[in-house]
Protein backbone atom coordinates (compact mmCIF):
# COMPACT_ATOMS: atom_id res chain seq x y z
CA MET A 1 -16.27 -2.89 -32.49
CA ALA A 2 -14.85 0.52 -31.56
CA ALA A 3 -12.62 0.69 -28.51
CA ALA A 4 -14.37 1.99 -25.40
CA PRO A 5 -13.41 5.57 -24.51
CA VAL A 6 -11.70 6.37 -21.22
CA TRP A 7 -13.09 9.53 -19.64
CA SER A 8 -11.72 11.78 -16.97
CA VAL A 9 -14.58 12.47 -14.52
CA ASP A 10 -14.98 15.28 -12.00
CA PRO A 11 -15.98 13.63 -8.68
CA ARG A 12 -17.29 16.96 -7.39
CA THR A 13 -20.03 16.94 -10.04
CA GLY A 14 -20.02 13.44 -11.51
CA LYS A 15 -19.65 14.94 -14.99
CA GLN A 16 -17.24 13.79 -17.69
CA ARG A 17 -14.37 16.23 -18.21
CA GLU A 18 -12.57 14.91 -21.27
CA GLN A 19 -11.69 11.70 -23.05
CA VAL A 20 -8.06 10.90 -22.33
CA ALA A 21 -7.59 7.45 -23.89
CA VAL A 22 -9.33 4.30 -25.07
CA GLU A 23 -9.38 0.94 -23.35
CA ALA A 24 -6.56 -1.30 -24.53
CA THR A 25 -7.32 -4.46 -26.49
CA ALA A 26 -5.62 -7.76 -25.71
CA GLU A 27 -3.35 -7.19 -28.71
CA GLU A 28 -2.38 -3.74 -27.45
CA VAL A 29 -1.67 -5.11 -23.98
CA GLY A 30 0.63 -7.66 -25.61
CA GLN A 31 2.43 -4.95 -27.57
CA THR A 32 2.95 -2.91 -24.42
CA VAL A 33 4.28 -5.88 -22.47
CA ARG A 34 6.67 -6.83 -25.26
CA ALA A 35 7.96 -3.26 -25.44
CA ALA A 36 8.59 -3.39 -21.69
CA ARG A 37 10.42 -6.70 -22.05
CA ASP A 38 12.59 -5.28 -24.84
CA ALA A 39 13.45 -2.17 -22.80
CA ALA A 40 14.54 -4.04 -19.67
CA PRO A 41 18.20 -4.64 -20.71
CA ALA A 42 18.74 -0.87 -20.59
CA LEU A 43 18.20 -1.06 -16.82
CA ALA A 44 21.02 -3.57 -16.30
CA ASP A 45 23.55 -0.87 -15.37
CA ARG A 46 22.79 0.12 -11.77
CA ALA A 47 24.26 3.59 -12.23
CA VAL A 48 21.95 4.23 -15.17
CA ARG A 49 18.82 3.17 -13.38
CA ALA A 50 19.69 5.10 -10.23
CA ALA A 51 20.18 8.19 -12.38
CA PHE A 52 16.88 7.48 -14.14
CA LEU A 53 15.01 7.37 -10.82
CA ARG A 54 16.55 10.66 -9.70
CA THR A 55 15.76 12.32 -13.01
CA ALA A 56 12.18 11.08 -12.77
CA ALA A 57 11.87 12.70 -9.34
CA GLY A 58 13.28 15.96 -10.64
CA LEU A 59 10.98 16.11 -13.66
CA LEU A 60 7.94 15.31 -11.52
CA GLU A 61 8.87 18.23 -9.27
CA GLU A 62 9.25 20.53 -12.27
CA ALA A 63 5.75 19.54 -13.43
CA LYS A 64 4.28 19.77 -9.91
CA ASP A 65 1.75 22.53 -10.50
CA HIS A 66 0.32 20.95 -13.63
CA LEU A 67 0.23 17.44 -12.11
CA VAL A 68 -1.42 18.56 -8.87
CA GLU A 69 -4.04 20.55 -10.78
CA ALA A 70 -4.84 17.53 -12.96
CA ALA A 71 -4.99 15.13 -10.01
CA ASP A 72 -7.23 17.43 -8.00
CA ALA A 73 -9.67 17.76 -10.91
CA GLU A 74 -9.98 13.96 -11.04
CA THR A 75 -9.85 13.05 -7.33
CA ALA A 76 -11.01 16.12 -5.33
CA LEU A 77 -8.24 15.34 -2.83
CA GLY A 78 -7.16 18.98 -2.72
CA PRO A 79 -3.91 20.76 -3.67
CA VAL A 80 -2.38 20.61 -0.18
CA ARG A 81 -2.81 16.86 0.18
CA LEU A 82 -1.72 16.18 -3.41
CA THR A 83 1.34 18.43 -3.18
CA GLY A 84 2.44 16.49 -0.12
CA GLU A 85 1.77 13.18 -1.83
CA LEU A 86 3.82 14.16 -4.86
CA ALA A 87 6.70 15.25 -2.61
CA ARG A 88 6.53 11.87 -0.86
CA THR A 89 6.59 10.15 -4.25
CA CYS A 90 9.69 12.04 -5.35
CA PHE A 91 11.39 11.28 -2.03
CA GLN A 92 10.58 7.60 -2.56
CA LEU A 93 12.09 7.58 -6.05
CA ARG A 94 15.31 9.11 -4.73
CA ALA A 95 15.36 6.70 -1.78
CA PHE A 96 15.27 3.75 -4.17
CA ALA A 97 18.02 5.36 -6.23
CA ASP A 98 20.17 5.39 -3.07
CA ILE A 99 19.34 1.73 -2.48
CA VAL A 100 20.41 0.89 -6.02
CA ASP A 101 23.69 2.75 -5.54
CA GLU A 102 24.45 0.98 -2.27
CA GLY A 103 23.80 -2.49 -3.71
CA ALA A 104 22.97 -4.33 -0.49
CA PHE A 105 19.61 -5.35 -1.99
CA LEU A 106 21.54 -7.79 -4.22
CA ASP A 107 22.14 -9.87 -1.07
CA ILE A 108 25.49 -11.19 -2.27
CA VAL A 109 26.78 -14.28 -0.45
CA ILE A 110 30.00 -16.09 -1.35
CA ASP A 111 31.13 -19.39 0.15
CA HIS A 112 34.57 -20.60 -0.87
CA PRO A 113 35.22 -24.35 -1.12
CA ASP A 114 35.58 -26.21 2.17
CA ALA A 115 36.49 -29.89 1.87
CA THR A 116 36.42 -30.32 5.66
CA ALA A 117 32.70 -29.52 5.94
CA THR A 118 30.11 -32.28 6.12
CA PRO A 119 29.10 -32.56 3.38
CA PRO A 120 31.93 -30.74 1.55
CA ILE A 121 31.04 -27.24 0.34
CA PRO A 122 31.83 -26.37 -3.28
CA ASP A 123 32.46 -22.84 -4.48
CA LEU A 124 29.04 -21.16 -4.22
CA ARG A 125 28.14 -17.58 -5.09
CA ARG A 126 24.61 -16.22 -4.73
CA TYR A 127 22.90 -12.94 -5.54
CA LYS A 128 19.53 -11.67 -6.73
CA ILE A 129 18.40 -10.81 -10.22
CA PRO A 130 15.28 -9.03 -11.53
CA LEU A 131 12.22 -11.15 -12.27
CA GLY A 132 11.20 -9.47 -15.53
CA VAL A 133 8.21 -7.36 -16.54
CA VAL A 134 6.13 -6.26 -13.53
CA ALA A 135 2.42 -5.41 -13.81
CA VAL A 136 1.34 -2.61 -11.49
CA TYR A 137 -2.33 -1.95 -10.69
CA SER A 138 -2.88 1.64 -9.56
CA ALA A 139 -4.80 2.63 -6.44
CA SER A 140 -7.76 5.00 -6.52
CA ASN A 141 -6.91 6.94 -3.36
CA PHE A 142 -3.26 7.82 -4.10
CA PRO A 143 -2.88 9.09 -7.68
CA PHE A 144 0.85 9.55 -7.18
CA ALA A 145 2.20 7.50 -4.26
CA PHE A 146 0.41 4.24 -5.11
CA SER A 147 -0.16 4.69 -8.83
CA VAL A 148 1.94 5.25 -11.96
CA PRO A 149 5.04 6.69 -10.20
CA GLY A 150 4.36 5.02 -6.84
CA GLY A 151 6.09 2.50 -4.64
CA ASP A 152 5.42 -0.56 -6.79
CA THR A 153 6.77 1.15 -9.91
CA ALA A 154 9.74 2.75 -8.15
CA SER A 155 10.81 -0.46 -6.41
CA ALA A 156 10.37 -2.55 -9.57
CA LEU A 157 12.46 -0.15 -11.66
CA ALA A 158 15.06 -0.09 -8.88
CA ALA A 159 15.22 -3.88 -9.02
CA GLY A 160 15.93 -3.68 -12.76
CA CYS A 161 12.43 -4.65 -13.90
CA SER A 162 10.46 -2.83 -16.55
CA VAL A 163 6.86 -1.98 -15.68
CA VAL A 164 3.42 -1.94 -17.27
CA VAL A 165 0.87 0.02 -15.25
CA LYS A 166 -2.86 -0.55 -15.40
CA ALA A 167 -4.23 2.94 -14.82
CA HIS A 168 -7.02 3.46 -12.32
CA PRO A 169 -10.24 4.74 -13.91
CA ASP A 170 -10.57 7.44 -11.23
CA HIS A 171 -7.53 9.36 -12.50
CA PRO A 172 -6.72 8.34 -16.09
CA GLY A 173 -5.65 11.82 -17.18
CA THR A 174 -3.20 12.15 -14.32
CA SER A 175 -1.88 8.69 -15.13
CA GLU A 176 -1.17 9.67 -18.73
CA LEU A 177 0.60 12.87 -17.67
CA VAL A 178 2.79 11.12 -15.10
CA ALA A 179 3.66 8.29 -17.50
CA SER A 180 4.85 10.85 -20.05
CA VAL A 181 7.11 12.44 -17.41
CA LEU A 182 8.66 9.08 -16.50
CA ARG A 183 9.23 8.25 -20.15
CA ARG A 184 11.01 11.56 -20.69
CA ALA A 185 13.22 10.72 -17.73
CA ALA A 186 14.01 7.34 -19.26
CA ALA A 187 14.86 8.85 -22.63
CA ARG A 188 17.40 11.20 -21.03
CA HIS A 189 19.41 8.14 -20.00
CA GLY A 190 19.07 6.18 -23.22
CA ILE A 191 16.39 3.91 -21.85
CA PRO A 192 13.58 3.05 -24.30
CA GLU A 193 10.26 4.66 -23.34
CA GLY A 194 8.66 1.20 -23.33
CA VAL A 195 10.30 0.63 -19.95
CA LEU A 196 7.13 2.21 -18.50
CA GLY A 197 3.96 1.03 -20.23
CA LEU A 198 0.43 2.21 -19.47
CA VAL A 199 -2.89 0.55 -20.31
CA HIS A 200 -6.50 1.40 -19.51
CA GLY A 201 -9.59 -0.74 -19.02
CA PHE A 202 -10.89 -3.59 -16.88
CA GLU A 203 -10.30 -6.26 -19.53
CA ALA A 204 -6.83 -4.87 -20.16
CA GLY A 205 -6.06 -5.43 -16.50
CA VAL A 206 -7.16 -9.06 -16.74
CA GLU A 207 -5.15 -9.61 -19.92
CA LEU A 208 -2.12 -8.03 -18.28
CA VAL A 209 -1.92 -10.44 -15.35
CA LYS A 210 -2.36 -13.38 -17.73
CA HIS A 211 0.30 -12.35 -20.24
CA PRO A 212 3.13 -14.92 -20.34
CA LEU A 213 5.84 -12.25 -20.36
CA VAL A 214 4.58 -10.66 -17.13
CA ALA A 215 6.67 -12.06 -14.28
CA ALA A 216 5.04 -10.50 -11.19
CA ALA A 217 2.29 -8.11 -10.20
CA GLY A 218 1.61 -5.47 -7.57
CA PHE A 219 -1.91 -4.36 -6.66
CA THR A 220 -3.60 -1.92 -4.28
CA GLY A 221 -7.39 -1.96 -4.12
CA SER A 222 -10.44 -3.90 -3.04
CA ILE A 223 -10.59 -7.44 -1.71
CA ARG A 224 -12.92 -8.49 -4.52
CA GLY A 225 -10.82 -7.08 -7.36
CA GLY A 226 -7.50 -8.06 -5.84
CA ARG A 227 -8.58 -11.61 -5.08
CA ALA A 228 -9.80 -12.09 -8.66
CA LEU A 229 -6.42 -11.00 -10.04
CA PHE A 230 -4.57 -13.02 -7.40
CA ASP A 231 -6.48 -16.14 -8.44
CA ALA A 232 -5.78 -15.40 -12.11
CA ALA A 233 -2.05 -15.05 -11.37
CA ALA A 234 -2.06 -18.40 -9.58
CA ALA A 235 -4.11 -20.13 -12.31
CA ARG A 236 -1.66 -19.29 -15.12
CA PRO A 237 0.25 -22.19 -16.72
CA VAL A 238 3.25 -20.56 -15.06
CA PRO A 239 1.98 -18.91 -11.84
CA ILE A 240 3.56 -15.61 -10.85
CA PRO A 241 3.99 -13.74 -7.55
CA PHE A 242 1.07 -11.41 -6.85
CA HIS A 243 1.68 -8.81 -4.17
CA GLY A 244 -1.74 -7.38 -3.40
CA GLU A 245 -2.94 -4.95 -0.73
CA LEU A 246 -6.65 -5.72 -0.47
CA GLY A 247 -8.28 -4.30 2.65
CA SER A 248 -7.82 -3.58 6.34
CA LEU A 249 -9.94 -2.71 9.38
CA ASN A 250 -6.94 -1.40 11.39
CA PRO A 251 -8.22 -2.09 14.93
CA VAL A 252 -7.47 0.19 17.88
CA VAL A 253 -7.60 -0.89 21.52
CA VAL A 254 -7.95 1.80 24.18
CA THR A 255 -7.24 0.49 27.66
CA GLU A 256 -9.42 1.53 30.58
CA ALA A 257 -6.43 3.20 32.20
CA ALA A 258 -5.62 5.15 29.02
CA ALA A 259 -9.23 6.37 28.73
CA ALA A 260 -9.21 7.47 32.35
CA GLU A 261 -5.95 9.34 31.82
CA ARG A 262 -6.49 11.11 28.46
CA ALA A 263 -9.90 10.31 26.96
CA GLU A 264 -10.29 13.72 25.33
CA GLN A 265 -6.91 13.56 23.62
CA ILE A 266 -7.63 10.07 22.29
CA GLY A 267 -11.05 11.09 21.00
CA THR A 268 -9.66 14.09 19.14
CA GLY A 269 -6.81 12.07 17.68
CA LEU A 270 -9.16 9.34 16.53
CA ALA A 271 -11.41 11.89 14.81
CA GLY A 272 -8.47 13.33 12.89
CA SER A 273 -7.26 9.91 11.80
CA MET A 274 -10.60 8.45 10.71
CA THR A 275 -11.61 11.54 8.71
CA LEU A 276 -8.21 12.24 7.13
CA GLY A 277 -8.58 12.34 3.37
CA VAL A 278 -12.35 11.86 3.81
CA GLY A 279 -11.63 8.49 5.41
CA GLN A 280 -10.04 7.12 2.23
CA PHE A 281 -6.69 6.01 3.66
CA CYS A 282 -5.99 2.28 3.63
CA VAL A 283 -4.88 2.51 7.27
CA LYS A 284 -7.93 4.40 8.55
CA PRO A 285 -8.90 3.04 12.01
CA GLY A 286 -12.19 1.25 11.32
CA LEU A 287 -12.78 -0.47 14.68
CA VAL A 288 -12.02 0.98 18.09
CA LEU A 289 -12.37 -1.03 21.30
CA ALA A 290 -13.10 1.49 24.07
CA PRO A 291 -14.13 0.75 27.66
CA GLU A 292 -17.55 1.14 29.15
CA GLY A 293 -17.79 3.61 32.04
CA ALA A 294 -16.76 7.20 32.60
CA GLY A 295 -13.48 7.15 30.69
CA GLY A 296 -15.07 5.63 27.60
CA ASP A 297 -17.97 8.09 27.84
CA ARG A 298 -15.56 11.01 27.83
CA LEU A 299 -13.78 9.54 24.80
CA VAL A 300 -17.06 9.22 22.88
CA LYS A 301 -18.04 12.77 23.83
CA SER A 302 -14.70 14.11 22.59
CA LEU A 303 -14.99 12.10 19.38
CA THR A 304 -18.55 13.38 18.87
CA GLU A 305 -17.48 16.99 19.18
CA ALA A 306 -14.49 16.60 16.87
CA VAL A 307 -16.30 14.67 14.15
CA SER A 308 -19.27 17.05 14.28
CA ASP A 309 -16.89 19.86 13.32
CA THR A 310 -15.77 18.00 10.17
CA ASP A 311 -17.07 19.36 6.88
CA ALA A 312 -18.74 17.13 4.31
CA GLY A 313 -16.31 15.85 1.70
CA VAL A 314 -16.13 14.37 -1.80
CA LEU A 315 -15.15 10.73 -2.26
CA LEU A 316 -13.05 9.62 -5.20
CA ASP A 317 -16.05 8.68 -7.34
CA HIS A 318 -19.81 8.40 -7.10
CA ARG A 319 -19.74 4.60 -6.97
CA MET A 320 -17.69 4.80 -3.78
CA ARG A 321 -20.06 7.44 -2.45
CA ASP A 322 -23.09 5.23 -3.07
CA ASN A 323 -21.37 2.23 -1.47
CA PHE A 324 -20.46 4.30 1.58
CA VAL A 325 -23.99 5.65 2.07
CA ALA A 326 -25.51 2.18 1.68
CA GLY A 327 -22.86 0.57 3.88
CA VAL A 328 -23.28 2.89 6.85
CA ARG A 329 -27.07 2.72 6.57
CA GLU A 330 -26.99 -1.08 6.73
CA ARG A 331 -24.68 -1.03 9.73
CA ALA A 332 -26.70 1.63 11.57
CA GLU A 333 -29.88 -0.43 11.27
CA LEU A 334 -28.50 -3.28 13.37
CA PRO A 335 -30.04 -3.56 16.87
CA ASP A 336 -28.04 -1.88 19.66
CA VAL A 337 -26.03 0.16 17.15
CA GLU A 338 -26.16 3.89 17.88
CA THR A 339 -24.93 6.84 15.82
CA PRO A 340 -23.72 9.72 18.03
CA VAL A 341 -22.76 11.40 14.74
CA THR A 342 -24.65 9.97 11.79
CA PRO A 343 -22.44 9.25 8.78
CA GLY A 344 -23.87 9.18 5.29
CA SER A 345 -24.91 11.53 2.52
CA GLY A 346 -23.75 15.09 2.93
CA GLY A 347 -25.37 16.24 -0.29
CA GLU A 348 -25.76 15.11 -3.88
CA HIS A 349 -22.01 14.71 -4.39
CA THR A 350 -20.62 14.59 -0.83
CA VAL A 351 -20.59 12.47 2.30
CA SER A 352 -20.62 13.42 5.97
CA ALA A 353 -18.35 11.84 8.55
CA GLY A 354 -19.67 9.98 11.56
CA PHE A 355 -19.27 6.97 13.78
CA LEU A 356 -21.24 4.09 15.23
CA THR A 357 -21.19 2.61 18.73
CA VAL A 358 -22.08 -0.95 19.69
CA PRO A 359 -21.63 -3.16 22.76
CA ALA A 360 -18.49 -5.24 22.17
CA ALA A 361 -20.41 -8.34 23.25
CA ARG A 362 -22.37 -8.09 19.99
CA LEU A 363 -19.15 -8.71 18.02
CA THR A 364 -17.99 -11.84 19.81
CA GLY A 365 -20.07 -14.36 17.86
CA GLU A 366 -20.91 -14.97 14.21
CA GLY A 367 -24.00 -13.33 12.76
CA ALA A 368 -25.28 -10.07 11.33
CA TYR A 369 -22.80 -8.06 13.39
CA ASP A 370 -19.93 -9.47 11.32
CA LEU A 371 -20.69 -6.53 9.02
CA LEU A 372 -19.17 -4.24 11.66
CA LEU A 373 -15.91 -6.18 11.35
CA GLU A 374 -15.60 -5.40 7.64
CA GLU A 375 -13.91 -2.32 6.20
CA CYS A 376 -16.27 0.48 5.15
CA PHE A 377 -14.37 2.79 2.82
CA GLY A 378 -14.98 6.40 3.84
CA PRO A 379 -15.15 8.63 6.94
CA VAL A 380 -16.70 6.24 9.46
CA THR A 381 -15.49 4.09 12.33
CA VAL A 382 -17.10 1.69 14.80
CA VAL A 383 -16.55 2.19 18.53
CA ALA A 384 -17.18 -1.08 20.38
CA ARG A 385 -17.65 -0.58 24.13
CA TYR A 386 -16.17 -3.47 26.13
CA ALA A 387 -16.95 -4.51 29.70
CA ASP A 388 -13.66 -6.27 30.49
CA ASP A 389 -10.43 -7.56 28.99
CA ALA A 390 -12.07 -10.86 28.08
CA GLU A 391 -14.33 -9.03 25.63
CA ILE A 392 -11.30 -7.39 24.03
CA THR A 393 -9.75 -10.80 23.50
CA ALA A 394 -13.00 -12.23 22.15
CA VAL A 395 -13.36 -9.47 19.55
CA LEU A 396 -9.72 -9.51 18.50
CA SER A 397 -9.88 -13.27 18.02
CA ARG A 398 -12.51 -12.77 15.32
CA LEU A 399 -10.49 -10.34 13.21
CA SER A 400 -8.71 -11.24 9.99
CA GLY A 401 -5.35 -9.77 8.96
CA ASN A 402 -4.69 -6.03 8.99
CA LEU A 403 -2.12 -3.52 7.86
CA THR A 404 -2.01 -1.96 11.33
CA ALA A 405 -3.11 -2.48 14.90
CA THR A 406 -2.92 0.27 17.51
CA VAL A 407 -2.93 0.26 21.30
CA GLN A 408 -3.62 3.38 23.36
CA LEU A 409 -2.00 2.92 26.78
CA SER A 410 -1.70 4.80 30.05
CA ALA A 411 1.68 6.16 31.13
CA ASP A 412 2.25 3.23 33.51
CA GLU A 413 1.24 0.69 30.87
CA ALA A 414 3.56 2.28 28.33
CA ALA A 415 6.43 2.36 30.80
CA GLY A 416 6.02 -1.30 31.71
CA VAL A 417 4.96 -0.55 35.29
CA SER A 418 1.76 -2.40 34.44
CA ALA A 419 1.98 -5.63 32.47
CA ARG A 420 -1.13 -4.78 30.47
CA GLY A 421 0.75 -2.88 27.76
CA ALA A 422 3.03 -5.80 26.91
CA GLU A 423 0.09 -8.20 27.03
CA LEU A 424 -1.90 -6.16 24.54
CA ILE A 425 1.01 -5.73 22.15
CA ALA A 426 1.52 -9.50 22.18
CA GLU A 427 -2.19 -9.96 21.51
CA VAL A 428 -2.42 -7.65 18.48
CA THR A 429 0.94 -8.48 16.89
CA PRO A 430 -0.37 -11.60 15.07
CA LEU A 431 -3.10 -9.46 13.49
CA ALA A 432 -1.05 -6.81 11.70
CA GLY A 433 2.11 -5.85 9.87
CA ARG A 434 2.60 -2.61 11.82
CA VAL A 435 1.84 -2.21 15.53
CA LEU A 436 1.47 1.33 16.93
CA VAL A 437 1.55 2.51 20.51
CA ASP A 438 -0.12 5.81 21.49
CA GLY A 439 -0.32 7.03 17.91
CA TRP A 440 -2.56 6.76 14.86
CA PRO A 441 -2.00 4.61 11.80
CA THR A 442 -2.73 7.17 9.07
CA GLY A 443 0.58 8.20 7.60
CA VAL A 444 3.02 5.58 6.29
CA ALA A 445 6.57 6.87 6.47
CA VAL A 446 8.93 5.98 3.62
CA ALA A 447 11.78 4.54 5.66
CA PRO A 448 14.06 1.48 5.59
CA ALA A 449 12.34 -0.10 8.60
CA GLN A 450 8.79 0.47 7.34
CA HIS A 451 6.43 -2.44 6.78
CA HIS A 452 3.20 -1.80 4.89
CA GLY A 453 1.57 -5.20 4.65
CA GLY A 454 -0.02 -7.76 6.89
CA PRO A 455 -1.76 -11.13 7.13
CA TYR A 456 -4.42 -11.83 4.51
CA PRO A 457 -6.58 -10.04 3.44
CA ALA A 458 -4.45 -7.01 4.25
CA THR A 459 -1.95 -8.37 1.73
CA THR A 460 -1.51 -11.54 -0.28
CA SER A 461 2.16 -11.92 0.62
CA THR A 462 4.45 -11.24 3.57
CA SER A 463 6.19 -8.37 1.75
CA THR A 464 5.92 -4.63 2.20
CA SER A 465 4.88 -2.13 -0.49
CA VAL A 466 6.50 0.83 1.31
CA GLY A 467 10.11 1.16 2.43
CA GLY A 468 13.40 -0.10 1.09
CA THR A 469 12.65 -3.80 1.37
CA ALA A 470 9.76 -3.41 -1.11
CA ILE A 471 12.42 -4.01 -3.78
CA GLU A 472 12.71 -7.65 -2.67
CA ARG A 473 9.35 -8.47 -4.29
CA TRP A 474 10.78 -8.14 -7.77
CA LEU A 475 13.97 -10.17 -7.35
CA ARG A 476 14.86 -13.84 -7.24
CA PRO A 477 18.06 -15.48 -5.99
CA VAL A 478 20.39 -17.47 -8.22
CA ALA A 479 23.53 -19.36 -7.13
CA TYR A 480 26.59 -20.19 -9.25
CA GLN A 481 28.57 -23.29 -8.32
CA ASN A 482 32.22 -23.88 -9.26
CA THR A 483 31.97 -21.19 -11.93
CA PRO A 484 35.28 -19.83 -13.28
CA GLU A 485 36.01 -16.26 -12.24
CA ALA A 486 35.97 -15.01 -15.82
CA LEU A 487 32.44 -16.31 -16.31
CA LEU A 488 30.95 -14.94 -13.11
CA PRO A 489 28.84 -11.76 -13.03
CA PRO A 490 31.05 -8.87 -11.84
CA GLU A 491 29.04 -8.69 -8.59
CA LEU A 492 30.25 -12.16 -7.60
CA ARG A 493 33.93 -11.98 -8.47
CA ASP A 494 36.49 -12.17 -5.69
CA ALA A 495 38.03 -8.83 -6.56
CA ASN A 496 34.66 -7.09 -5.97
CA PRO A 497 35.24 -4.60 -8.80
CA LEU A 498 31.94 -2.83 -8.07
CA GLY A 499 32.67 -2.34 -4.36
CA LEU A 500 29.44 -4.00 -3.24
CA PRO A 501 28.55 -5.10 0.31
CA ARG A 502 28.84 -8.89 0.53
CA ARG A 503 28.94 -11.78 2.98
CA ILE A 504 31.98 -14.00 2.38
CA ASP A 505 32.48 -17.28 4.22
CA GLY A 506 30.01 -16.17 6.87
CA ARG A 507 31.46 -12.73 7.46
CA ARG A 508 30.21 -9.36 6.30
CA GLU A 509 32.57 -7.57 3.91
CA HIS A 510 32.59 -3.87 3.06
């Protein structure tokens, strides 16, 4: 049987643009994984792989115009957004190169023998080594930052792992172009091009997570697809770590005092956040708890005006568009749900932004209204009007894990004059990996302190996929006991020939 073609599709028209590849067979997946395994030793030298990451960033920048044009044709995200995303991706590659150079990610700990301890301590030396081949599953909504050259790939390469990427069907042409750039960067440093493999097709993705040479996986996508791969990773004869980002409602709580103080500002800010990128950000605020009364009314009025001024937009593909239109229709049909701005179809190929309102009391018990507590991918949010703080607590108690949780506070609450700010932060902290005060969750800075993850189903692990510590997902610790100096890895020798930061006998060195 002939291999199924992989087409690049224009989401603005739904028409096929060009065939860019064919779906990989199980045998071809195996060949790609083995090539990645064979290329990994070339990453052993930290200086080489740091240089590789920097070269990759430079070559991506040189190809910017071509890459942005290709990505826009496949995603309709627009040149401005995509140019910024590519710049972020290049910054991230260089940031991981700096992390590799510094070496702290190796987490070196040395304990010299101590016969006086109980029990006695032998000579112990511990550091972290790469896991092996990493499978990366690209995201639909970020063709650069969470796809072939994105955070999973960059952090895995930085850890010393080779990578095989399963391309997303929404931007296969872009994926091929970017993979070719990364392979050229590898070749400039004597690294085999197999260090970055690329496969297409649903079945190829399943075969990839099952392959015995794949040591870990990173995923960004839907709960359904991610959970299926997560279960497959766990069901292997040798289970592997699966770091999946699956879905998030990203709740926002607006206090009564905050609404009274700056309802219009909050409404405008919410509109900008929930419609950014046509509502296709993984941290889009999907549920907002706003008070009943005058302050909440002003917030809804401001939100109505701002969202009404938003143009119809194109989603990443027509399947997502159909799911969005059906999803908002089903939610809007629930009793007591109102649509100040009706979301839905904006035309044959577009969607219009909007929002729903509902009494918060409707969300405090199980039933049909649970639908309003599920993510709806696209430019829509649910504003739940609460009567008192008890209703806030009741709704929050029914939420599953999230990437973010946001509180909008008054000046006194933010300053600690009122205890309500601290109480709310304590209440939402168990729900999310990132807690925001008086801001909006869209926008995930690439920074050492960043955490992009959260309790399930936001992610399947406690790790982050953004920021320096994302590298930890692809490493495992190993300790050497009473090993002669000549046989130790250079990183663990007393002389510290590589000048690495280490902890020796309980004290930080270097």
